[in-house]
Amino acid sequence: MPSRYRNDTATRGGKAIRSAAAVNRIRKAIRTGRISYRTVSIKQGQRLDHFAQELYGDGRMWWVLAACSNIGWALQLPPGTLVNIPTDLSQVLDLT
C-alpha cells in the first residue's frame, strides 16, 4: 500500500516541493545549527497546523515544524511536547 505522504507537497514561489524528501535535510540542519529556532512547549489543544497558520500564514506548513522538532506526521500532540519553531522560514525553504 503506497504511503499517502509520498506525494505530500507544499508550494514555494509557485513551485511544488516534496516535503518528505526535505525532512532529513531539515533535521540535519537543525542538529548542525544551520537553522535558527526557538522552542515552545505544546499546551492542551494546540496543533502544529494552527502554529503554522499563526506563524507563517499557511497551516499546510505544519510539516516544517514537525521536521524541525523530529516529530512524525502528527498534527495534534500531547501537552508538554517540545516544538522547534524556525525563526527564519527562508532557512528551511532553502533546503527544500
C-alpha atoms as a PDB file:
ATOM      1  CA  MET A   1       0.000   0.000   0.000  1.00  0.00           C
ATOM      2  CA  PRO A   2       1.530   3.340  -1.003  1.00  0.00           C
ATOM      3  CA  SER A   3       2.023   5.993   1.641  1.00  0.00           C
ATOM      4  CA  ARG A   4      -0.325   8.936   1.498  1.00  0.00           C
ATOM      5  CA  TYR A   5       2.664  11.155   2.373  1.00  0.00           C
ATOM      6  CA  ARG A   6       4.764  10.073  -0.581  1.00  0.00           C
ATOM      7  CA  ASN A   7       3.378  12.891  -2.692  1.00  0.00           C
ATOM      8  CA  ASP A   8       2.773  15.379   0.119  1.00  0.00           C
ATOM      9  CA  THR A   9       3.609  18.767  -1.340  1.00  0.00           C
ATOM     10  CA  ALA A  10       3.727  22.396  -0.370  1.00  0.00           C
ATOM     11  CA  THR A  11       4.427  25.339  -2.596  1.00  0.00           C
ATOM     12  CA  ARG A  12       7.274  27.807  -2.612  1.00  0.00           C
ATOM     13  CA  GLY A  13       7.156  30.591  -5.126  1.00  0.00           C
ATOM     14  CA  GLY A  14       4.657  28.651  -7.227  1.00  0.00           C
ATOM     15  CA  LYS A  15       6.952  25.611  -7.365  1.00  0.00           C
ATOM     16  CA  ALA A  16       5.761  22.379  -5.777  1.00  0.00           C
ATOM     17  CA  ILE A  17       8.172  20.730  -3.341  1.00  0.00           C
ATOM     18  CA  ARG A  18       8.040  17.264  -1.849  1.00  0.00           C
ATOM     19  CA  SER A  19       8.046  17.647   1.914  1.00  0.00           C
ATOM     20  CA  ALA A  20       9.040  14.026   2.583  1.00  0.00           C
ATOM     21  CA  ALA A  21      12.242  14.494   0.563  1.00  0.00           C
ATOM     22  CA  ALA A  22      13.193  17.569   2.606  1.00  0.00           C
ATOM     23  CA  VAL A  23      12.615  16.202   6.123  1.00  0.00           C
ATOM     24  CA  ASN A  24      16.053  14.607   6.549  1.00  0.00           C
ATOM     25  CA  ARG A  25      17.830  17.732   5.274  1.00  0.00           C
ATOM     26  CA  ILE A  26      15.817  19.889   7.686  1.00  0.00           C
ATOM     27  CA  ARG A  27      16.521  17.618  10.655  1.00  0.00           C
ATOM     28  CA  LYS A  28      20.246  17.615   9.874  1.00  0.00           C
ATOM     29  CA  ALA A  29      20.263  21.419   9.540  1.00  0.00           C
ATOM     30  CA  ILE A  30      18.630  21.735  12.977  1.00  0.00           C
ATOM     31  CA  ARG A  31      21.244  19.410  14.506  1.00  0.00           C
ATOM     32  CA  THR A  32      24.138  21.296  12.900  1.00  0.00           C
ATOM     33  CA  GLY A  33      22.831  24.781  13.706  1.00  0.00           C
ATOM     34  CA  ARG A  34      22.088  25.859  10.117  1.00  0.00           C
ATOM     35  CA  ILE A  35      18.503  26.723  11.070  1.00  0.00           C
ATOM     36  CA  SER A  36      17.836  29.171  13.896  1.00  0.00           C
ATOM     37  CA  TYR A  37      14.832  28.327  16.028  1.00  0.00           C
ATOM     38  CA  ARG A  38      13.078  28.798  19.321  1.00  0.00           C
ATOM     39  CA  THR A  39      11.489  26.019  21.345  1.00  0.00           C
ATOM     40  CA  VAL A  40       7.965  26.089  22.782  1.00  0.00           C
ATOM     41  CA  SER A  41       6.033  23.578  24.837  1.00  0.00           C
ATOM     42  CA  ILE A  42       2.677  22.464  23.423  1.00  0.00           C
ATOM     43  CA  LYS A  43      -0.339  23.211  25.580  1.00  0.00           C
ATOM     44  CA  GLN A  44      -3.583  21.250  25.687  1.00  0.00           C
ATOM     45  CA  GLY A  45      -5.456  21.543  22.386  1.00  0.00           C
ATOM     46  CA  GLN A  46      -2.639  23.193  20.386  1.00  0.00           C
ATOM     47  CA  ARG A  47      -1.857  21.728  16.962  1.00  0.00           C
ATOM     48  CA  LEU A  48       1.018  22.116  14.540  1.00  0.00           C
ATOM     49  CA  ASP A  49      -1.187  23.305  11.691  1.00  0.00           C
ATOM     50  CA  HIS A  50      -2.548  26.089  13.910  1.00  0.00           C
ATOM     51  CA  PHE A  51       1.008  27.134  14.838  1.00  0.00           C
ATOM     52  CA  ALA A  52       1.991  27.150  11.161  1.00  0.00           C
ATOM     53  CA  GLN A  53      -1.030  29.281  10.246  1.00  0.00           C
ATOM     54  CA  GLU A  54      -0.261  31.766  13.004  1.00  0.00           C
ATOM     55  CA  LEU A  55       3.468  31.943  12.275  1.00  0.00           C
ATOM     56  CA  TYR A  56       3.663  31.593   8.509  1.00  0.00           C
ATOM     57  CA  GLY A  57       0.140  32.350   7.301  1.00  0.00           C
ATOM     58  CA  ASP A  58      -0.200  28.815   5.917  1.00  0.00           C
ATOM     59  CA  GLY A  59      -1.362  25.878   8.027  1.00  0.00           C
ATOM     60  CA  ARG A  60      -0.055  23.481   5.376  1.00  0.00           C
ATOM     61  CA  MET A  61       3.471  24.295   6.553  1.00  0.00           C
ATOM     62  CA  TRP A  62       2.889  22.208   9.713  1.00  0.00           C
ATOM     63  CA  TRP A  63       5.259  19.569   8.347  1.00  0.00           C
ATOM     64  CA  VAL A  64       8.136  22.069   8.668  1.00  0.00           C
ATOM     65  CA  LEU A  65       7.502  22.317  12.412  1.00  0.00           C
ATOM     66  CA  ALA A  66       7.264  18.520  12.637  1.00  0.00           C
ATOM     67  CA  ALA A  67      10.538  18.059  10.743  1.00  0.00           C
ATOM     68  CA  CYS A  68      12.376  20.664  12.832  1.00  0.00           C
ATOM     69  CA  SER A  69      11.108  19.023  16.013  1.00  0.00           C
ATOM     70  CA  ASN A  70      11.816  15.423  14.974  1.00  0.00           C
ATOM     71  CA  ILE A  71       8.105  14.640  15.243  1.00  0.00           C
ATOM     72  CA  GLY A  72       6.397  12.152  12.966  1.00  0.00           C
ATOM     73  CA  TRP A  73       3.398  13.088  10.865  1.00  0.00           C
ATOM     74  CA  ALA A  74       1.118  14.231  13.672  1.00  0.00           C
ATOM     75  CA  LEU A  75      -0.870  17.452  13.842  1.00  0.00           C
ATOM     76  CA  GLN A  76      -2.112  17.014  17.384  1.00  0.00           C
ATOM     77  CA  LEU A  77       0.458  16.386  20.106  1.00  0.00           C
ATOM     78  CA  PRO A  78       0.270  15.685  23.821  1.00  0.00           C
ATOM     79  CA  PRO A  79       0.726  18.659  26.143  1.00  0.00           C
ATOM     80  CA  GLY A  80       4.359  19.255  27.040  1.00  0.00           C
ATOM     81  CA  THR A  81       5.747  18.192  23.653  1.00  0.00           C
ATOM     82  CA  LEU A  82       8.641  20.487  22.704  1.00  0.00           C
ATOM     83  CA  VAL A  83       8.372  22.055  19.260  1.00  0.00           C
ATOM     84  CA  ASN A  84      11.254  23.780  17.481  1.00  0.00           C
ATOM     85  CA  ILE A  85       9.948  26.785  15.576  1.00  0.00           C
ATOM     86  CA  PRO A  86      12.267  28.166  12.881  1.00  0.00           C
ATOM     87  CA  THR A  87      12.714  31.899  13.355  1.00  0.00           C
ATOM     88  CA  ASP A  88      13.531  32.382   9.676  1.00  0.00           C
ATOM     89  CA  LEU A  89      11.435  30.186   7.364  1.00  0.00           C
ATOM     90  CA  SER A  90      13.680  31.019   4.400  1.00  0.00           C
ATOM     91  CA  GLN A  91      16.464  28.973   6.051  1.00  0.00           C
ATOM     92  CA  VAL A  92      14.182  25.957   5.864  1.00  0.00           C
ATOM     93  CA  LEU A  93      12.857  26.608   2.371  1.00  0.00           C
ATOM     94  CA  ASP A  94      16.415  26.948   1.063  1.00  0.00           C
ATOM     95  CA  LEU A  95      16.854  23.250   1.932  1.00  0.00           C
ATOM     96  CA  THR A  96      13.772  22.039   0.064  1.00  0.00           C
END
